[in-house]
Amino acid sequence: MRIKNLPWVLFVFFAIGTGLYPLIYYLVDMHDKGLLSSKPEAIKASQVWHFAFYTHISLGGLALLIGWMQFSQKIRNRYLKVHRMVGKTYLGSVLLSSLTGLFIALYASGGIVSTMGFGTLAILWLGTAIKAYTAILKKDFLSHRSWMIVNYSLTFAAVTLRIWLPIAQFILHIDFVLAYRFISWWCWAPNLIVALLIIRRRKNTPITQAV
């Protein structure tokens, strides 16, 4: 493996690994484990919250799991039908996961700060997905690529959340609630900045109109 390919390999590795993570909730009793351990019993007992939570993590995981393929030029050029099918599945997953994510953000651990952090993420996630979809309907390939880069950077918040939480708790020894408030913003804001920098660097790069 070439060194220059290492960032891409790590990117795909974390996307797939975290995308498969929601399966744990179906295979293991997570009632008092992980993020659920911080939730009051009244919330966990709510069927509406329960449905929203599992919809959010399942479809969000699916979006993370398959979304990276949209940035592979080889897949886009060689398997156009696959690219389009994955794109539709990805955007549909983001649509439902962002809406349910906005709902469960209202009950986020850490109160109003966490609610605003994750709520803002959900709104931006939904809005950029709509922008990406409308751009491709207009065959504006450059805008579509840019919006997809921004959108997937927000999808990738699922990865950075799971990187920063153990760092905050087990290395920096920060109280969970305090760390969660901070990470509700930090898990996606730097991702967004990186995405905007990538777009700025690539804005004059031509792309194959095979979306």
C-alpha atoms as a PDB file:
ATOM      1  CA  MET A   1       0.000   0.000   0.000  1.00  0.00           C
ATOM      2  CA  ARG A   2       1.321   3.423  -0.927  1.00  0.00           C
ATOM      3  CA  ILE A   3       1.724   5.956   1.881  1.00  0.00           C
ATOM      4  CA  LYS A   4      -0.299   8.500  -0.066  1.00  0.00           C
ATOM      5  CA  ASN A   5      -3.264   6.104  -0.017  1.00  0.00           C
ATOM      6  CA  LEU A   6      -3.178   5.745   3.775  1.00  0.00           C
ATOM      7  CA  PRO A   7      -5.618   8.638   4.518  1.00  0.00           C
ATOM      8  CA  TRP A   8      -8.160   7.141   2.109  1.00  0.00           C
ATOM      9  CA  VAL A   9      -7.738   3.656   3.605  1.00  0.00           C
ATOM     10  CA  LEU A  10      -8.218   4.997   7.134  1.00  0.00           C
ATOM     11  CA  PHE A  11     -11.195   7.055   5.974  1.00  0.00           C
ATOM     12  CA  VAL A  12     -12.901   3.967   4.521  1.00  0.00           C
ATOM     13  CA  PHE A  13     -11.910   1.800   7.511  1.00  0.00           C
ATOM     14  CA  PHE A  14     -13.512   4.141  10.048  1.00  0.00           C
ATOM     15  CA  ALA A  15     -16.579   4.659   7.838  1.00  0.00           C
ATOM     16  CA  ILE A  16     -17.223   0.929   7.534  1.00  0.00           C
ATOM     17  CA  GLY A  17     -16.343   0.131  11.136  1.00  0.00           C
ATOM     18  CA  THR A  18     -18.589   2.815  12.594  1.00  0.00           C
ATOM     19  CA  GLY A  19     -21.274   2.138   9.995  1.00  0.00           C
ATOM     20  CA  LEU A  20     -21.528  -1.434  11.268  1.00  0.00           C
ATOM     21  CA  TYR A  21     -21.542  -0.325  14.920  1.00  0.00           C
ATOM     22  CA  PRO A  22     -25.368  -0.030  15.206  1.00  0.00           C
ATOM     23  CA  LEU A  23     -25.571  -3.812  14.707  1.00  0.00           C
ATOM     24  CA  ILE A  24     -24.370  -4.143  18.310  1.00  0.00           C
ATOM     25  CA  TYR A  25     -27.680  -2.687  19.477  1.00  0.00           C
ATOM     26  CA  TYR A  26     -29.506  -5.556  17.783  1.00  0.00           C
ATOM     27  CA  LEU A  27     -27.130  -8.312  18.888  1.00  0.00           C
ATOM     28  CA  VAL A  28     -26.407  -7.244  22.474  1.00  0.00           C
ATOM     29  CA  ASP A  29     -28.616  -5.857  25.225  1.00  0.00           C
ATOM     30  CA  MET A  30     -27.432  -2.228  25.290  1.00  0.00           C
ATOM     31  CA  HIS A  31     -30.145  -0.984  27.652  1.00  0.00           C
ATOM     32  CA  ASP A  32     -27.626   0.108  30.288  1.00  0.00           C
ATOM     33  CA  LYS A  33     -24.525   0.306  28.103  1.00  0.00           C
ATOM     34  CA  GLY A  34     -22.933   2.891  25.850  1.00  0.00           C
ATOM     35  CA  LEU A  35     -24.799   6.135  25.252  1.00  0.00           C
ATOM     36  CA  LEU A  36     -28.046   4.574  26.465  1.00  0.00           C
ATOM     37  CA  SER A  37     -26.622   4.299  29.971  1.00  0.00           C
ATOM     38  CA  SER A  38     -26.900   8.093  30.305  1.00  0.00           C
ATOM     39  CA  LYS A  39     -30.586   8.192  29.407  1.00  0.00           C
ATOM     40  CA  PRO A  40     -33.350   8.304  32.041  1.00  0.00           C
ATOM     41  CA  GLU A  41     -35.531   5.206  32.193  1.00  0.00           C
ATOM     42  CA  ALA A  42     -38.596   7.270  31.264  1.00  0.00           C
ATOM     43  CA  ILE A  43     -37.036   8.217  27.929  1.00  0.00           C
ATOM     44  CA  LYS A  44     -35.836   4.702  27.156  1.00  0.00           C
ATOM     45  CA  ALA A  45     -39.320   3.402  27.944  1.00  0.00           C
ATOM     46  CA  SER A  46     -40.924   5.717  25.375  1.00  0.00           C
ATOM     47  CA  GLN A  47     -41.888   3.818  22.225  1.00  0.00           C
ATOM     48  CA  VAL A  48     -41.669   6.994  20.137  1.00  0.00           C
ATOM     49  CA  TRP A  49     -38.144   7.768  21.347  1.00  0.00           C
ATOM     50  CA  HIS A  50     -37.158   4.124  20.996  1.00  0.00           C
ATOM     51  CA  PHE A  51     -38.375   4.056  17.373  1.00  0.00           C
ATOM     52  CA  ALA A  52     -36.659   7.353  16.569  1.00  0.00           C
ATOM     53  CA  PHE A  53     -33.389   6.264  18.164  1.00  0.00           C
ATOM     54  CA  TYR A  54     -33.169   2.952  16.319  1.00  0.00           C
ATOM     55  CA  THR A  55     -34.211   4.549  13.037  1.00  0.00           C
ATOM     56  CA  HIS A  56     -31.547   7.204  13.486  1.00  0.00           C
ATOM     57  CA  ILE A  57     -28.656   4.879  14.303  1.00  0.00           C
ATOM     58  CA  SER A  58     -29.653   2.232  11.745  1.00  0.00           C
ATOM     59  CA  LEU A  59     -30.081   4.513   8.743  1.00  0.00           C
ATOM     60  CA  GLY A  60     -27.283   6.813   9.861  1.00  0.00           C
ATOM     61  CA  GLY A  61     -25.035   3.771  10.063  1.00  0.00           C
ATOM     62  CA  LEU A  62     -26.139   2.688   6.590  1.00  0.00           C
ATOM     63  CA  ALA A  63     -25.391   6.147   5.179  1.00  0.00           C
ATOM     64  CA  LEU A  64     -21.930   6.078   6.724  1.00  0.00           C
ATOM     65  CA  LEU A  65     -21.344   2.520   5.533  1.00  0.00           C
ATOM     66  CA  ILE A  66     -22.111   3.179   1.865  1.00  0.00           C
ATOM     67  CA  GLY A  67     -21.512   6.914   1.455  1.00  0.00           C
ATOM     68  CA  TRP A  68     -17.760   6.722   0.997  1.00  0.00           C
ATOM     69  CA  MET A  69     -18.290   4.821  -2.281  1.00  0.00           C
ATOM     70  CA  GLN A  70     -19.739   7.973  -3.855  1.00  0.00           C
ATOM     71  CA  PHE A  71     -16.297   9.556  -3.728  1.00  0.00           C
ATOM     72  CA  SER A  72     -14.570   6.705  -5.554  1.00  0.00           C
ATOM     73  CA  GLN A  73     -13.958   7.770  -9.148  1.00  0.00           C
ATOM     74  CA  LYS A  74     -13.411   4.147 -10.185  1.00  0.00           C
ATOM     75  CA  ILE A  75     -16.837   3.095  -8.931  1.00  0.00           C
ATOM     76  CA  ARG A  76     -18.475   6.190 -10.417  1.00  0.00           C
ATOM     77  CA  ASN A  77     -16.922   5.679 -13.837  1.00  0.00           C
ATOM     78  CA  ARG A  78     -17.117   1.882 -14.098  1.00  0.00           C
ATOM     79  CA  TYR A  79     -20.392   1.189 -12.314  1.00  0.00           C
ATOM     80  CA  LEU A  80     -22.675   4.122 -12.986  1.00  0.00           C
ATOM     81  CA  LYS A  81     -25.849   2.236 -12.030  1.00  0.00           C
ATOM     82  CA  VAL A  82     -24.296   1.249  -8.699  1.00  0.00           C
ATOM     83  CA  HIS A  83     -23.259   4.862  -8.104  1.00  0.00           C
ATOM     84  CA  ARG A  84     -26.803   6.084  -8.711  1.00  0.00           C
ATOM     85  CA  MET A  85     -28.404   3.343  -6.614  1.00  0.00           C
ATOM     86  CA  VAL A  86     -26.039   3.969  -3.712  1.00  0.00           C
ATOM     87  CA  GLY A  87     -26.659   7.700  -4.012  1.00  0.00           C
ATOM     88  CA  LYS A  88     -30.424   7.306  -3.784  1.00  0.00           C
ATOM     89  CA  THR A  89     -30.112   4.919  -0.842  1.00  0.00           C
ATOM     90  CA  TYR A  90     -27.674   7.239   0.886  1.00  0.00           C
ATOM     91  CA  LEU A  91     -29.823  10.359   0.520  1.00  0.00           C
ATOM     92  CA  GLY A  92     -32.949   8.483   1.608  1.00  0.00           C
ATOM     93  CA  SER A  93     -31.136   7.203   4.684  1.00  0.00           C
ATOM     94  CA  VAL A  94     -29.859  10.687   5.540  1.00  0.00           C
ATOM     95  CA  LEU A  95     -33.348  12.145   5.141  1.00  0.00           C
ATOM     96  CA  LEU A  96     -34.922   9.790   7.693  1.00  0.00           C
ATOM     97  CA  SER A  97     -31.914   9.646  10.014  1.00  0.00           C
ATOM     98  CA  SER A  98     -31.608  13.433  10.187  1.00  0.00           C
ATOM     99  CA  LEU A  99     -35.296  13.901  10.969  1.00  0.00           C
ATOM    100  CA  THR A 100     -35.242  11.292  13.742  1.00  0.00           C
ATOM    101  CA  GLY A 101     -31.892  12.691  14.875  1.00  0.00           C
ATOM    102  CA  LEU A 102     -33.485  16.107  15.281  1.00  0.00           C
ATOM    103  CA  PHE A 103     -36.173  14.534  17.461  1.00  0.00           C
ATOM    104  CA  ILE A 104     -33.818  12.604  19.738  1.00  0.00           C
ATOM    105  CA  ALA A 105     -31.601  15.707  20.023  1.00  0.00           C
ATOM    106  CA  LEU A 106     -34.390  17.189  22.127  1.00  0.00           C
ATOM    107  CA  TYR A 107     -33.568  14.548  24.757  1.00  0.00           C
ATOM    108  CA  ALA A 108     -29.772  14.636  24.444  1.00  0.00           C
ATOM    109  CA  SER A 109     -27.717  14.143  27.583  1.00  0.00           C
ATOM    110  CA  GLY A 110     -26.244  17.450  28.710  1.00  0.00           C
ATOM    111  CA  GLY A 111     -29.336  19.586  28.298  1.00  0.00           C
ATOM    112  CA  ILE A 112     -29.797  22.584  26.037  1.00  0.00           C
ATOM    113  CA  VAL A 113     -26.141  22.808  24.931  1.00  0.00           C
ATOM    114  CA  SER A 114     -26.157  19.239  23.616  1.00  0.00           C
ATOM    115  CA  THR A 115     -29.634  19.679  22.160  1.00  0.00           C
ATOM    116  CA  MET A 116     -28.499  22.731  20.209  1.00  0.00           C
ATOM    117  CA  GLY A 117     -25.291  21.016  19.079  1.00  0.00           C
ATOM    118  CA  PHE A 118     -26.902  17.839  17.802  1.00  0.00           C
ATOM    119  CA  GLY A 119     -29.989  19.715  16.611  1.00  0.00           C
ATOM    120  CA  THR A 120     -27.866  22.028  14.477  1.00  0.00           C
ATOM    121  CA  LEU A 121     -26.052  18.992  13.087  1.00  0.00           C
ATOM    122  CA  ALA A 122     -29.350  17.333  12.145  1.00  0.00           C
ATOM    123  CA  ILE A 123     -30.633  20.457  10.398  1.00  0.00           C
ATOM    124  CA  LEU A 124     -27.407  20.973   8.449  1.00  0.00           C
ATOM    125  CA  TRP A 125     -27.301  17.276   7.574  1.00  0.00           C
ATOM    126  CA  LEU A 126     -30.826  17.407   6.192  1.00  0.00           C
ATOM    127  CA  GLY A 127     -30.360  20.731   4.416  1.00  0.00           C
ATOM    128  CA  THR A 128     -27.145  19.750   2.641  1.00  0.00           C
ATOM    129  CA  ALA A 129     -28.683  16.447   1.521  1.00  0.00           C
ATOM    130  CA  ILE A 130     -31.564  18.356  -0.065  1.00  0.00           C
ATOM    131  CA  LYS A 131     -29.075  20.716  -1.713  1.00  0.00           C
ATOM    132  CA  ALA A 132     -27.100  17.771  -3.119  1.00  0.00           C
ATOM    133  CA  TYR A 133     -30.271  16.174  -4.469  1.00  0.00           C
ATOM    134  CA  THR A 134     -31.634  19.329  -6.107  1.00  0.00           C
ATOM    135  CA  ALA A 135     -28.216  20.027  -7.649  1.00  0.00           C
ATOM    136  CA  ILE A 136     -28.106  16.639  -9.364  1.00  0.00           C
ATOM    137  CA  LEU A 137     -31.677  17.076 -10.633  1.00  0.00           C
ATOM    138  CA  LYS A 138     -30.429  20.226 -12.358  1.00  0.00           C
ATOM    139  CA  LYS A 139     -27.353  18.309 -13.603  1.00  0.00           C
ATOM    140  CA  ASP A 140     -25.144  20.743 -11.732  1.00  0.00           C
ATOM    141  CA  PHE A 141     -22.417  18.166 -11.122  1.00  0.00           C
ATOM    142  CA  LEU A 142     -19.922  20.512  -9.500  1.00  0.00           C
ATOM    143  CA  SER A 143     -22.441  21.770  -6.934  1.00  0.00           C
ATOM    144  CA  HIS A 144     -23.652  18.226  -6.336  1.00  0.00           C
ATOM    145  CA  ARG A 145     -20.123  17.059  -5.554  1.00  0.00           C
ATOM    146  CA  SER A 146     -19.552  20.000  -3.216  1.00  0.00           C
ATOM    147  CA  TRP A 147     -22.785  19.443  -1.306  1.00  0.00           C
ATOM    148  CA  MET A 148     -22.080  15.722  -1.036  1.00  0.00           C
ATOM    149  CA  ILE A 149     -18.638  16.427   0.423  1.00  0.00           C
ATOM    150  CA  VAL A 150     -20.212  18.720   3.010  1.00  0.00           C
ATOM    151  CA  ASN A 151     -23.005  16.263   3.732  1.00  0.00           C
ATOM    152  CA  TYR A 152     -20.737  13.266   4.205  1.00  0.00           C
ATOM    153  CA  SER A 153     -18.494  15.296   6.496  1.00  0.00           C
ATOM    154  CA  LEU A 154     -21.563  15.656   8.713  1.00  0.00           C
ATOM    155  CA  THR A 155     -22.353  11.952   8.365  1.00  0.00           C
ATOM    156  CA  PHE A 156     -18.782  11.318   9.520  1.00  0.00           C
ATOM    157  CA  ALA A 157     -19.675  12.991  12.828  1.00  0.00           C
ATOM    158  CA  ALA A 158     -20.686   9.487  13.952  1.00  0.00           C
ATOM    159  CA  VAL A 159     -17.021   8.532  13.654  1.00  0.00           C
ATOM    160  CA  THR A 160     -15.527  11.597  15.301  1.00  0.00           C
ATOM    161  CA  LEU A 161     -18.056  11.380  18.139  1.00  0.00           C
ATOM    162  CA  ARG A 162     -16.783   7.892  18.962  1.00  0.00           C
ATOM    163  CA  ILE A 163     -13.195   9.057  18.757  1.00  0.00           C
ATOM    164  CA  TRP A 164     -13.572  12.088  21.002  1.00  0.00           C
ATOM    165  CA  LEU A 165     -15.744  10.505  23.710  1.00  0.00           C
ATOM    166  CA  PRO A 166     -13.180   7.935  24.908  1.00  0.00           C
ATOM    167  CA  ILE A 167     -10.395  10.522  24.600  1.00  0.00           C
ATOM    168  CA  ALA A 168     -12.368  12.943  26.782  1.00  0.00           C
ATOM    169  CA  GLN A 169     -13.320  10.340  29.371  1.00  0.00           C
ATOM    170  CA  PHE A 170     -10.421   7.924  29.618  1.00  0.00           C
ATOM    171  CA  ILE A 171      -7.444  10.075  28.628  1.00  0.00           C
ATOM    172  CA  LEU A 172      -8.444  13.591  29.664  1.00  0.00           C
ATOM    173  CA  HIS A 173     -10.737  12.334  32.479  1.00  0.00           C
ATOM    174  CA  ILE A 174     -13.478  14.858  31.742  1.00  0.00           C
ATOM    175  CA  ASP A 175     -16.917  14.270  33.255  1.00  0.00           C
ATOM    176  CA  PHE A 176     -19.210  12.567  30.733  1.00  0.00           C
ATOM    177  CA  VAL A 177     -21.932  15.218  30.705  1.00  0.00           C
ATOM    178  CA  LEU A 178     -19.447  18.063  30.348  1.00  0.00           C
ATOM    179  CA  ALA A 179     -17.597  16.201  27.593  1.00  0.00           C
ATOM    180  CA  TYR A 180     -20.847  15.357  25.816  1.00  0.00           C
ATOM    181  CA  ARG A 181     -21.889  19.005  25.715  1.00  0.00           C
ATOM    182  CA  PHE A 182     -18.615  19.980  24.108  1.00  0.00           C
ATOM    183  CA  ILE A 183     -18.522  17.008  21.719  1.00  0.00           C
ATOM    184  CA  SER A 184     -22.096  17.674  20.551  1.00  0.00           C
ATOM    185  CA  TRP A 185     -20.479  20.534  18.602  1.00  0.00           C
ATOM    186  CA  TRP A 186     -16.907  19.327  18.230  1.00  0.00           C
ATOM    187  CA  CYS A 187     -17.915  16.032  16.564  1.00  0.00           C
ATOM    188  CA  TRP A 188     -19.100  17.865  13.430  1.00  0.00           C
ATOM    189  CA  ALA A 189     -17.860  21.479  13.306  1.00  0.00           C
ATOM    190  CA  PRO A 190     -14.205  20.598  12.495  1.00  0.00           C
ATOM    191  CA  ASN A 191     -15.443  18.062   9.915  1.00  0.00           C
ATOM    192  CA  LEU A 192     -17.410  20.811   8.228  1.00  0.00           C
ATOM    193  CA  ILE A 193     -14.394  23.121   8.158  1.00  0.00           C
ATOM    194  CA  VAL A 194     -12.254  20.395   6.581  1.00  0.00           C
ATOM    195  CA  ALA A 195     -14.973  19.746   3.979  1.00  0.00           C
ATOM    196  CA  LEU A 196     -15.093  23.424   3.036  1.00  0.00           C
ATOM    197  CA  LEU A 197     -11.315  23.509   2.680  1.00  0.00           C
ATOM    198  CA  ILE A 198     -11.437  20.435   0.417  1.00  0.00           C
ATOM    199  CA  ILE A 199     -14.119  22.051  -1.724  1.00  0.00           C
ATOM    200  CA  ARG A 200     -12.105  25.254  -1.979  1.00  0.00           C
ATOM    201  CA  ARG A 201      -9.059  23.300  -3.122  1.00  0.00           C
ATOM    202  CA  ARG A 202     -10.987  21.209  -5.647  1.00  0.00           C
ATOM    203  CA  LYS A 203     -13.420  23.778  -7.008  1.00  0.00           C
ATOM    204  CA  ASN A 204     -11.527  24.098 -10.280  1.00  0.00           C
ATOM    205  CA  THR A 205     -10.987  20.343 -10.693  1.00  0.00           C
ATOM    206  CA  PRO A 206     -13.084  18.921 -13.553  1.00  0.00           C
ATOM    207  CA  ILE A 207     -15.259  15.889 -12.813  1.00  0.00           C
ATOM    208  CA  THR A 208     -16.788  13.196 -14.942  1.00  0.00           C
ATOM    209  CA  GLN A 209     -20.445  13.955 -15.575  1.00  0.00           C
ATOM    210  CA  ALA A 210     -21.577  10.465 -14.692  1.00  0.00           C
ATOM    211  CA  VAL A 211     -23.484  11.096 -11.507  1.00  0.00           C
END
